[in-house]
C-alpha atoms as a PDB file:
ATOM      1  CA  UNK A   1      23.438  -0.982   6.114  1.00  0.00           C
ATOM      2  CA  UNK A   2      20.532  -3.814   6.221  1.00  0.00           C
ATOM      3  CA  UNK A   3      19.074  -6.109   3.149  1.00  0.00           C
ATOM      4  CA  UNK A   4      16.080  -5.308   1.890  1.00  0.00           C
ATOM      5  CA  UNK A   5      13.313  -8.131   3.421  1.00  0.00           C
ATOM      6  CA  UNK A   6      10.890  -9.916   1.108  1.00  0.00           C
ATOM      7  CA  UNK A   7       7.341 -10.549   2.899  1.00  0.00           C
ATOM      8  CA  UNK A   8       4.541 -12.491   0.911  1.00  0.00           C
ATOM      9  CA  UNK A   9       0.887 -12.495   0.998  1.00  0.00           C
ATOM     10  CA  UNK A  10       0.751 -14.837   3.812  1.00  0.00           C
ATOM     11  CA  UNK A  11       3.343 -13.190   6.256  1.00  0.00           C
ATOM     12  CA  UNK A  12       1.279  -9.430   4.924  1.00  0.00           C
ATOM     13  CA  UNK A  13      -1.899 -11.064   6.208  1.00  0.00           C
ATOM     14  CA  UNK A  14      -0.046 -11.403   9.691  1.00  0.00           C
ATOM     15  CA  UNK A  15       0.348  -7.838   9.429  1.00  0.00           C
ATOM     16  CA  UNK A  16      -2.752  -6.158   8.740  1.00  0.00           C
ATOM     17  CA  UNK A  17      -6.142  -7.188   9.387  1.00  0.00           C
ATOM     18  CA  UNK A  18      -7.524  -6.596   5.859  1.00  0.00           C
ATOM     19  CA  UNK A  19      -8.901  -9.551   3.844  1.00  0.00           C
ATOM     20  CA  UNK A  20      -9.901 -10.208   0.312  1.00  0.00           C
ATOM     21  CA  UNK A  21     -11.082  -8.479  -1.673  1.00  0.00           C
ATOM     22  CA  UNK A  22      -9.833  -5.647   0.548  1.00  0.00           C
ATOM     23  CA  UNK A  23      -6.288  -6.808   1.168  1.00  0.00           C
ATOM     24  CA  UNK A  24      -4.411  -4.727  -2.112  1.00  0.00           C
ATOM     25  CA  UNK A  25      -0.949  -6.233  -1.384  1.00  0.00           C
ATOM     26  CA  UNK A  26       0.272  -9.069  -2.592  1.00  0.00           C
ATOM     27  CA  UNK A  27       4.166  -8.455  -1.840  1.00  0.00           C
ATOM     28  CA  UNK A  28       5.856  -6.508   0.483  1.00  0.00           C
ATOM     29  CA  UNK A  29       9.954  -5.402  -0.100  1.00  0.00           C
ATOM     30  CA  UNK A  30      11.147  -3.361   3.289  1.00  0.00           C
ATOM     31  CA  UNK A  31      14.236  -1.563   2.914  1.00  0.00           C
ATOM     32  CA  UNK A  32      14.043   0.370   5.789  1.00  0.00           C
ATOM     33  CA  UNK A  33      12.159  -1.149   8.661  1.00  0.00           C
ATOM     34  CA  UNK A  34       9.901   1.117   9.396  1.00  0.00           C
ATOM     35  CA  UNK A  35      10.367   3.620   7.059  1.00  0.00           C
ATOM     36  CA  UNK A  36      10.501   2.810   3.207  1.00  0.00           C
ATOM     37  CA  UNK A  37       9.618  -0.017   1.006  1.00  0.00           C
ATOM     38  CA  UNK A  38       7.470  -1.069  -2.037  1.00  0.00           C
ATOM     39  CA  UNK A  39       4.484  -2.954  -2.132  1.00  0.00           C
ATOM     40  CA  UNK A  40       3.201  -4.630  -5.227  1.00  0.00           C
ATOM     41  CA  UNK A  41      -0.349  -5.088  -6.176  1.00  0.00           C
ATOM     42  CA  UNK A  42      -1.360  -7.526  -9.309  1.00  0.00           C
ATOM     43  CA  UNK A  43      -3.900  -6.039 -10.889  1.00  0.00           C
ATOM     44  CA  UNK A  44      -6.240  -8.365 -12.960  1.00  0.00           C
ATOM     45  CA  UNK A  45      -9.770  -8.742 -14.374  1.00  0.00           C
ATOM     46  CA  UNK A  46     -10.785 -10.856 -11.575  1.00  0.00           C
ATOM     47  CA  UNK A  47     -11.109  -7.909  -9.248  1.00  0.00           C
ATOM     48  CA  UNK A  48     -14.448  -7.176  -8.280  1.00  0.00           C
ATOM     49  CA  UNK A  49     -14.480  -3.164  -8.564  1.00  0.00           C
ATOM     50  CA  UNK A  50     -14.071  -3.757 -12.778  1.00  0.00           C
ATOM     51  CA  UNK A  51     -17.460  -5.116 -12.922  1.00  0.00           C
ATOM     52  CA  UNK A  52     -18.455  -1.421 -12.753  1.00  0.00           C
ATOM     53  CA  UNK A  53     -15.534   0.379 -13.081  1.00  0.00           C
ATOM     54  CA  UNK A  54     -15.860   0.756 -16.143  1.00  0.00           C
ATOM     55  CA  UNK A  55     -17.751  -2.219 -18.055  1.00  0.00           C
ATOM     56  CA  UNK A  56     -15.924  -1.967 -21.564  1.00  0.00           C
ATOM     57  CA  UNK A  57     -12.771   0.396 -20.039  1.00  0.00           C
ATOM     58  CA  UNK A  58     -11.497  -1.234 -16.769  1.00  0.00           C
ATOM     59  CA  UNK A  59      -9.345   0.876 -14.465  1.00  0.00           C
ATOM     60  CA  UNK A  60      -8.805   0.710 -11.511  1.00  0.00           C
ATOM     61  CA  UNK A  61     -10.222   3.203  -8.630  1.00  0.00           C
ATOM     62  CA  UNK A  62      -7.996   6.016  -7.893  1.00  0.00           C
ATOM     63  CA  UNK A  63      -8.710   5.948  -3.725  1.00  0.00           C
ATOM     64  CA  UNK A  64      -7.896   2.083  -4.042  1.00  0.00           C
ATOM     65  CA  UNK A  65      -4.706   3.295  -5.547  1.00  0.00           C
ATOM     66  CA  UNK A  66      -3.850   5.870  -2.212  1.00  0.00           C
ATOM     67  CA  UNK A  67      -5.475   2.400  -0.081  1.00  0.00           C
ATOM     68  CA  UNK A  68      -2.668   0.536  -1.422  1.00  0.00           C
ATOM     69  CA  UNK A  69      -0.476   2.952  -0.976  1.00  0.00           C
ATOM     70  CA  UNK A  70      -1.678   3.100   2.915  1.00  0.00           C
ATOM     71  CA  UNK A  71      -2.058  -0.563   3.426  1.00  0.00           C
ATOM     72  CA  UNK A  72       1.959  -0.685   2.091  1.00  0.00           C
ATOM     73  CA  UNK A  73       2.895   2.170   4.885  1.00  0.00           C
ATOM     74  CA  UNK A  74       0.986   0.465   7.398  1.00  0.00           C
ATOM     75  CA  UNK A  75       2.971  -2.621   6.762  1.00  0.00           C
ATOM     76  CA  UNK A  76       5.980  -1.206   6.776  1.00  0.00           C
ATOM     77  CA  UNK A  77       5.521   0.465  10.313  1.00  0.00           C
ATOM     78  CA  UNK A  78       4.510  -3.500  11.276  1.00  0.00           C
ATOM     79  CA  UNK A  79       7.566  -5.125   9.891  1.00  0.00           C
ATOM     80  CA  UNK A  80       9.529  -2.958  12.324  1.00  0.00           C
ATOM     81  CA  UNK A  81       7.336  -4.196  15.694  1.00  0.00           C
ATOM     82  CA  UNK A  82       9.243  -6.722  17.357  1.00  0.00           C
ATOM     83  CA  UNK A  83       6.637  -9.952  17.742  1.00  0.00           C
ATOM     84  CA  UNK A  84       4.093  -8.182  15.207  1.00  0.00           C
ATOM     85  CA  UNK A  85       3.101 -11.616  14.309  1.00  0.00           C
ATOM     86  CA  UNK A  86       1.487 -12.133  18.079  1.00  0.00           C
ATOM     87  CA  UNK A  87      -0.343  -8.579  18.143  1.00  0.00           C
ATOM     88  CA  UNK A  88      -3.194  -7.008  16.273  1.00  0.00           C
ATOM     89  CA  UNK A  89      -2.936  -3.683  14.533  1.00  0.00           C
ATOM     90  CA  UNK A  90      -5.117  -1.401  12.688  1.00  0.00           C
ATOM     91  CA  UNK A  91      -3.921   1.338  10.492  1.00  0.00           C
ATOM     92  CA  UNK A  92      -6.540   4.334  10.079  1.00  0.00           C
ATOM     93  CA  UNK A  93      -6.362   7.416   7.513  1.00  0.00           C
ATOM     94  CA  UNK A  94      -6.175  10.583   9.702  1.00  0.00           C
ATOM     95  CA  UNK A  95      -5.916  12.923   6.007  1.00  0.00           C
ATOM     96  CA  UNK A  96      -4.458  12.892   2.737  1.00  0.00           C
ATOM     97  CA  UNK A  97      -2.726  15.248   0.547  1.00  0.00           C
ATOM     98  CA  UNK A  98      -1.659  16.366  -2.551  1.00  0.00           C
ATOM     99  CA  UNK A  99      -3.556  13.998  -4.463  1.00  0.00           C
ATOM    100  CA  UNK A 100      -2.543  13.026  -8.177  1.00  0.00           C
ATOM    101  CA  UNK A 101      -3.631  10.528 -10.361  1.00  0.00           C
ATOM    102  CA  UNK A 102      -1.790  10.577 -13.386  1.00  0.00           C
ATOM    103  CA  UNK A 103      -2.528   7.438 -15.578  1.00  0.00           C
ATOM    104  CA  UNK A 104      -5.489   4.881 -15.827  1.00  0.00           C
ATOM    105  CA  UNK A 105      -4.442   1.595 -13.664  1.00  0.00           C
ATOM    106  CA  UNK A 106      -5.734  -1.384 -16.164  1.00  0.00           C
ATOM    107  CA  UNK A 107      -5.961  -5.338 -15.925  1.00  0.00           C
ATOM    108  CA  UNK A 108      -2.694  -7.100 -16.304  1.00  0.00           C
ATOM    109  CA  UNK A 109      -0.981  -3.715 -14.732  1.00  0.00           C
ATOM    110  CA  UNK A 110       1.559  -4.661 -12.030  1.00  0.00           C
ATOM    111  CA  UNK A 111       1.023  -1.733  -9.214  1.00  0.00           C
ATOM    112  CA  UNK A 112       4.006  -1.060  -7.245  1.00  0.00           C
ATOM    113  CA  UNK A 113       3.486   1.310  -4.317  1.00  0.00           C
ATOM    114  CA  UNK A 114       6.704   2.966  -3.214  1.00  0.00           C
ATOM    115  CA  UNK A 115       6.159   5.008   0.142  1.00  0.00           C
ATOM    116  CA  UNK A 116       8.917   6.196   2.624  1.00  0.00           C
ATOM    117  CA  UNK A 117       8.150   7.856   6.369  1.00  0.00           C
ATOM    118  CA  UNK A 118       8.632  11.821   6.552  1.00  0.00           C
ATOM    119  CA  UNK A 119       7.994  12.253  10.009  1.00  0.00           C
ATOM    120  CA  UNK A 120       6.707  10.001  13.062  1.00  0.00           C
ATOM    121  CA  UNK A 121       4.535  11.217  16.936  1.00  0.00           C
ATOM    122  CA  UNK A 122       4.318   8.311  18.879  1.00  0.00           C
ATOM    123  CA  UNK A 123       1.935   6.252  16.872  1.00  0.00           C
ATOM    124  CA  UNK A 124       0.861   8.931  13.843  1.00  0.00           C
ATOM    125  CA  UNK A 125       3.133   8.302  10.767  1.00  0.00           C
ATOM    126  CA  UNK A 126       3.095  10.893   7.712  1.00  0.00           C
ATOM    127  CA  UNK A 127       4.120   8.888   4.703  1.00  0.00           C
ATOM    128  CA  UNK A 128       4.710   9.956   0.959  1.00  0.00           C
ATOM    129  CA  UNK A 129       3.513   7.427  -1.649  1.00  0.00           C
ATOM    130  CA  UNK A 130       3.814   7.312  -5.398  1.00  0.00           C
ATOM    131  CA  UNK A 131       2.425   4.207  -7.126  1.00  0.00           C
ATOM    132  CA  UNK A 132       3.935   3.132 -10.235  1.00  0.00           C
ATOM    133  CA  UNK A 133       3.050   1.056 -13.331  1.00  0.00           C
ATOM    134  CA  UNK A 134       6.541  -0.051 -15.593  1.00  0.00           C
ATOM    135  CA  UNK A 135       8.266   2.509 -13.849  1.00  0.00           C
ATOM    136  CA  UNK A 136       5.986   5.417 -14.108  1.00  0.00           C
ATOM    137  CA  UNK A 137       4.114   7.331 -11.808  1.00  0.00           C
ATOM    138  CA  UNK A 138       0.424   6.757 -11.792  1.00  0.00           C
ATOM    139  CA  UNK A 139      -0.926   8.283  -8.514  1.00  0.00           C
ATOM    140  CA  UNK A 140       1.044  10.021  -5.721  1.00  0.00           C
ATOM    141  CA  UNK A 141      -0.250  11.076  -2.047  1.00  0.00           C
ATOM    142  CA  UNK A 142       0.851  12.194   1.371  1.00  0.00           C
ATOM    143  CA  UNK A 143      -0.907  10.882   3.619  1.00  0.00           C
ATOM    144  CA  UNK A 144      -1.303  10.579   7.560  1.00  0.00           C
ATOM    145  CA  UNK A 145      -2.248   7.572   9.404  1.00  0.00           C
ATOM    146  CA  UNK A 146      -2.385   6.286  13.062  1.00  0.00           C
ATOM    147  CA  UNK A 147      -1.294   3.137  14.559  1.00  0.00           C
ATOM    148  CA  UNK A 148      -3.626   1.057  16.546  1.00  0.00           C
END
């Protein structure tokens, strides 16, 4: 059994093409390379989307929670590729299924994106993900993406 590998935001930026304000993973723990990991997003009031979602009652949009799960899954896959630092990858959604939003995510929350690959075929991957705050599921989905 391998040890969990921790990646900081600078390393995540070497794996993914996303940049501020759209990089939604601040830290990554890869439990099983290419298969399973946990991303962390520190949600702050400084996020641009809180200006309009919603004034006086800031809530992180659910679609961004799904995007954060997908970015985490993409980084988990890329972390398993030898010499990933010298290559450029894009991860593109193909489908999203079984989405459920259970609780709002607010400024000050630490969003943990738990993802696990449930199948793959070549460069197409299917992941199951859950976003959690304080150990409670706030959203979940199954999504298919392609690595290009």
